[in-house]
Amino acid sequence: LCGHLHVSAIKPLSIIPREHRIVIASAGTATSSRGRGLTSSVNFYNVVTVEPDAFSVEERRYVPDEQQFVRDGVTRFDRTG
């Protein structure tokens, strides 16, 4: 998990063999105006859910008109082995 770059991204690291997967989950920025990239004016945070057979990362995006964070998407990663 990381977030200092102020960019929201969720990606598996593909340079490592499948049985040793690593997922990078960057949360963007939840409270500042220092966002970068295509979502520079959008505030995000992530909710990580861990289950026995998988884990998921839910991106939550702030909607100013609603004055709340809403689900923007969920990425699920099945566990292997």
N, C-alpha and C. Protein backbone atom coordinates (compact mmCIF):
# COMPACT_ATOMS: atom_id res chain seq x y z
N LEU A 1 0.84 -1.18 0.00
CA LEU A 1 0.00 0.00 0.00
C LEU A 1 0.88 1.23 0.00
N CYS A 2 0.49 2.22 -0.76
CA CYS A 2 1.24 3.47 -0.80
C CYS A 2 0.29 4.59 -1.17
N GLY A 3 0.76 5.79 -1.10
CA GLY A 3 -0.11 6.90 -1.43
C GLY A 3 0.60 8.22 -1.59
N HIS A 4 1.90 8.26 -1.37
CA HIS A 4 2.61 9.52 -1.39
C HIS A 4 2.66 10.19 -2.76
N LEU A 5 2.51 9.42 -3.83
CA LEU A 5 2.59 10.00 -5.18
C LEU A 5 1.33 10.75 -5.59
N HIS A 6 0.27 10.67 -4.81
CA HIS A 6 -0.99 11.37 -5.10
C HIS A 6 -1.61 10.90 -6.41
N VAL A 7 -1.43 9.62 -6.75
CA VAL A 7 -2.01 9.03 -7.95
C VAL A 7 -2.72 7.75 -7.54
N SER A 8 -3.97 7.58 -7.97
CA SER A 8 -4.71 6.37 -7.65
C SER A 8 -4.41 5.30 -8.69
N ALA A 9 -3.95 4.12 -8.25
CA ALA A 9 -3.65 3.01 -9.17
C ALA A 9 -3.64 1.70 -8.39
N ILE A 10 -4.12 0.64 -9.05
CA ILE A 10 -4.09 -0.70 -8.48
C ILE A 10 -3.60 -1.64 -9.57
N LYS A 11 -2.43 -2.23 -9.38
CA LYS A 11 -1.82 -3.05 -10.42
C LYS A 11 -1.05 -4.22 -9.81
N PRO A 12 -1.16 -5.41 -10.44
CA PRO A 12 -0.28 -6.50 -10.03
C PRO A 12 1.11 -6.26 -10.63
N LEU A 13 2.12 -6.60 -9.89
CA LEU A 13 3.49 -6.45 -10.37
C LEU A 13 3.83 -7.70 -11.17
N SER A 14 4.03 -7.54 -12.48
CA SER A 14 4.15 -8.69 -13.37
C SER A 14 5.56 -9.23 -13.53
N ILE A 15 6.56 -8.61 -12.92
CA ILE A 15 7.92 -9.11 -13.09
C ILE A 15 8.24 -10.26 -12.15
N ILE A 16 7.30 -10.59 -11.29
CA ILE A 16 7.49 -11.67 -10.32
C ILE A 16 6.63 -12.85 -10.76
N PRO A 17 7.13 -14.09 -10.68
CA PRO A 17 6.33 -15.25 -11.09
C PRO A 17 4.97 -15.28 -10.40
N ARG A 18 3.98 -15.82 -11.08
CA ARG A 18 2.59 -15.80 -10.61
C ARG A 18 2.42 -16.34 -9.19
N GLU A 19 3.17 -17.34 -8.80
CA GLU A 19 2.99 -17.90 -7.45
C GLU A 19 3.51 -16.98 -6.36
N HIS A 20 4.16 -15.89 -6.74
CA HIS A 20 4.68 -14.92 -5.77
C HIS A 20 4.22 -13.51 -6.16
N ARG A 21 2.94 -13.36 -6.42
CA ARG A 21 2.43 -12.07 -6.89
C ARG A 21 2.51 -10.98 -5.83
N ILE A 22 2.72 -9.78 -6.31
CA ILE A 22 2.69 -8.58 -5.47
C ILE A 22 1.73 -7.60 -6.15
N VAL A 23 0.89 -6.96 -5.36
CA VAL A 23 -0.04 -5.96 -5.88
C VAL A 23 0.32 -4.61 -5.30
N ILE A 24 0.42 -3.62 -6.17
CA ILE A 24 0.66 -2.24 -5.75
C ILE A 24 -0.69 -1.53 -5.69
N ALA A 25 -1.04 -0.97 -4.55
CA ALA A 25 -2.29 -0.24 -4.40
C ALA A 25 -1.97 1.16 -3.89
N SER A 26 -2.05 2.13 -4.79
CA SER A 26 -1.78 3.52 -4.45
C SER A 26 -3.11 4.25 -4.28
N ALA A 27 -3.27 4.96 -3.19
CA ALA A 27 -4.56 5.54 -2.84
C ALA A 27 -4.81 6.94 -3.39
N GLY A 28 -3.91 7.51 -4.12
CA GLY A 28 -4.13 8.88 -4.55
C GLY A 28 -4.03 9.81 -3.36
N THR A 29 -4.93 10.76 -3.25
CA THR A 29 -4.93 11.65 -2.10
C THR A 29 -6.37 11.83 -1.62
N ALA A 30 -6.59 11.74 -0.33
CA ALA A 30 -7.94 11.81 0.21
C ALA A 30 -8.35 13.22 0.60
N THR A 31 -7.39 14.06 1.00
CA THR A 31 -7.77 15.35 1.57
C THR A 31 -7.02 16.55 1.02
N SER A 32 -6.07 16.35 0.10
CA SER A 32 -5.33 17.51 -0.38
C SER A 32 -5.69 17.83 -1.82
N SER A 33 -5.20 18.93 -2.31
CA SER A 33 -5.42 19.34 -3.71
C SER A 33 -4.16 19.10 -4.53
N ARG A 34 -3.30 18.18 -4.09
CA ARG A 34 -2.03 17.94 -4.77
C ARG A 34 -2.05 16.71 -5.66
N GLY A 35 -3.22 16.30 -6.13
CA GLY A 35 -3.32 15.13 -6.99
C GLY A 35 -2.54 15.32 -8.28
N ARG A 36 -2.25 14.20 -8.94
CA ARG A 36 -1.48 14.24 -10.18
C ARG A 36 -2.15 13.37 -11.23
N GLY A 37 -1.76 13.57 -12.48
CA GLY A 37 -2.26 12.74 -13.57
C GLY A 37 -3.68 13.08 -13.95
N LEU A 38 -4.36 12.09 -14.56
CA LEU A 38 -5.71 12.30 -15.07
C LEU A 38 -6.73 12.59 -13.98
N THR A 39 -6.44 12.17 -12.76
CA THR A 39 -7.38 12.38 -11.65
C THR A 39 -6.86 13.44 -10.68
N SER A 40 -6.14 14.41 -11.19
CA SER A 40 -5.46 15.39 -10.32
C SER A 40 -6.42 16.21 -9.46
N SER A 41 -7.65 16.39 -9.90
CA SER A 41 -8.59 17.19 -9.12
C SER A 41 -9.57 16.33 -8.32
N VAL A 42 -9.30 15.03 -8.25
CA VAL A 42 -10.21 14.10 -7.58
C VAL A 42 -9.54 13.53 -6.33
N ASN A 43 -10.29 13.46 -5.25
CA ASN A 43 -9.78 12.87 -4.01
C ASN A 43 -10.23 11.41 -3.92
N PHE A 44 -9.28 10.53 -3.53
CA PHE A 44 -9.53 9.09 -3.44
C PHE A 44 -9.02 8.55 -2.12
N TYR A 45 -9.60 7.44 -1.69
CA TYR A 45 -8.96 6.57 -0.70
C TYR A 45 -9.35 5.14 -1.03
N ASN A 46 -8.64 4.17 -0.49
CA ASN A 46 -8.88 2.76 -0.77
C ASN A 46 -9.38 2.04 0.46
N VAL A 47 -10.24 1.05 0.23
CA VAL A 47 -10.68 0.12 1.26
C VAL A 47 -10.19 -1.26 0.84
N VAL A 48 -9.35 -1.87 1.66
CA VAL A 48 -8.81 -3.20 1.37
C VAL A 48 -9.58 -4.22 2.19
N THR A 49 -10.13 -5.24 1.51
CA THR A 49 -10.86 -6.31 2.17
C THR A 49 -10.11 -7.62 1.94
N VAL A 50 -9.78 -8.31 3.02
CA VAL A 50 -9.04 -9.57 2.93
C VAL A 50 -9.96 -10.71 3.32
N GLU A 51 -10.05 -11.71 2.44
CA GLU A 51 -10.84 -12.91 2.68
C GLU A 51 -9.92 -14.13 2.54
N PRO A 52 -10.36 -15.30 2.98
CA PRO A 52 -9.49 -16.49 2.88
C PRO A 52 -9.05 -16.82 1.46
N ASP A 53 -9.93 -16.62 0.46
CA ASP A 53 -9.61 -17.01 -0.90
C ASP A 53 -9.27 -15.85 -1.84
N ALA A 54 -9.36 -14.62 -1.36
CA ALA A 54 -9.10 -13.46 -2.23
C ALA A 54 -8.96 -12.21 -1.39
N PHE A 55 -8.52 -11.15 -2.04
CA PHE A 55 -8.59 -9.83 -1.41
C PHE A 55 -9.02 -8.85 -2.48
N SER A 56 -9.59 -7.74 -2.05
CA SER A 56 -10.04 -6.73 -3.01
C SER A 56 -9.65 -5.35 -2.53
N VAL A 57 -9.51 -4.46 -3.50
CA VAL A 57 -9.21 -3.06 -3.22
C VAL A 57 -10.33 -2.24 -3.84
N GLU A 58 -11.07 -1.55 -3.00
CA GLU A 58 -12.17 -0.70 -3.45
C GLU A 58 -11.69 0.75 -3.46
N GLU A 59 -11.79 1.40 -4.62
CA GLU A 59 -11.45 2.82 -4.70
C GLU A 59 -12.70 3.64 -4.36
N ARG A 60 -12.53 4.59 -3.47
CA ARG A 60 -13.62 5.49 -3.09
C ARG A 60 -13.23 6.89 -3.54
N ARG A 61 -14.11 7.54 -4.30
CA ARG A 61 -13.85 8.85 -4.91
C ARG A 61 -14.79 9.89 -4.31
N TYR A 62 -14.25 11.07 -4.04
CA TYR A 62 -15.06 12.14 -3.47
C TYR A 62 -15.87 12.82 -4.58
N VAL A 63 -17.18 12.98 -4.34
CA VAL A 63 -18.08 13.66 -5.27
C VAL A 63 -18.52 14.96 -4.59
N PRO A 64 -17.98 16.10 -5.03
CA PRO A 64 -18.29 17.37 -4.37
C PRO A 64 -19.78 17.69 -4.30
N ASP A 65 -20.54 17.41 -5.38
CA ASP A 65 -21.97 17.73 -5.38
C ASP A 65 -22.73 16.94 -4.31
N GLU A 66 -22.25 15.74 -4.00
CA GLU A 66 -22.89 14.90 -2.98
C GLU A 66 -22.23 15.06 -1.62
N GLN A 67 -21.08 15.73 -1.59
CA GLN A 67 -20.28 15.93 -0.37
C GLN A 67 -20.01 14.61 0.36
N GLN A 68 -19.62 13.60 -0.44
CA GLN A 68 -19.29 12.31 0.15
C GLN A 68 -18.42 11.50 -0.81
N PHE A 69 -17.77 10.48 -0.25
CA PHE A 69 -17.01 9.53 -1.05
C PHE A 69 -17.94 8.43 -1.52
N VAL A 70 -17.81 8.00 -2.77
CA VAL A 70 -18.63 6.93 -3.34
C VAL A 70 -17.71 5.87 -3.95
N ARG A 71 -18.23 4.67 -4.10
CA ARG A 71 -17.46 3.59 -4.72
C ARG A 71 -17.17 3.94 -6.17
N ASP A 72 -15.91 3.90 -6.55
CA ASP A 72 -15.52 4.19 -7.93
C ASP A 72 -15.18 2.91 -8.68
N GLY A 73 -14.84 1.87 -7.96
CA GLY A 73 -14.52 0.59 -8.58
C GLY A 73 -13.91 -0.35 -7.56
N VAL A 74 -13.97 -1.65 -7.88
CA VAL A 74 -13.39 -2.67 -7.02
C VAL A 74 -12.53 -3.58 -7.89
N THR A 75 -11.31 -3.83 -7.44
CA THR A 75 -10.42 -4.77 -8.12
C THR A 75 -10.20 -5.94 -7.17
N ARG A 76 -10.50 -7.15 -7.67
CA ARG A 76 -10.40 -8.36 -6.84
C ARG A 76 -9.21 -9.19 -7.32
N PHE A 77 -8.49 -9.75 -6.37
CA PHE A 77 -7.35 -10.61 -6.65
C PHE A 77 -7.57 -11.94 -5.94
N ASP A 78 -7.74 -13.01 -6.72
CA ASP A 78 -7.90 -14.34 -6.14
C ASP A 78 -6.55 -14.84 -5.65
N ARG A 79 -6.58 -15.53 -4.53
CA ARG A 79 -5.35 -16.13 -4.00
C ARG A 79 -5.13 -17.46 -4.70
N THR A 80 -3.88 -17.77 -4.96
CA THR A 80 -3.54 -19.05 -5.58
C THR A 80 -2.85 -19.95 -4.57
N GLY A 81 -2.93 -21.26 -4.82
CA GLY A 81 -2.18 -22.19 -3.97
C GLY A 81 -2.91 -22.77 -2.86
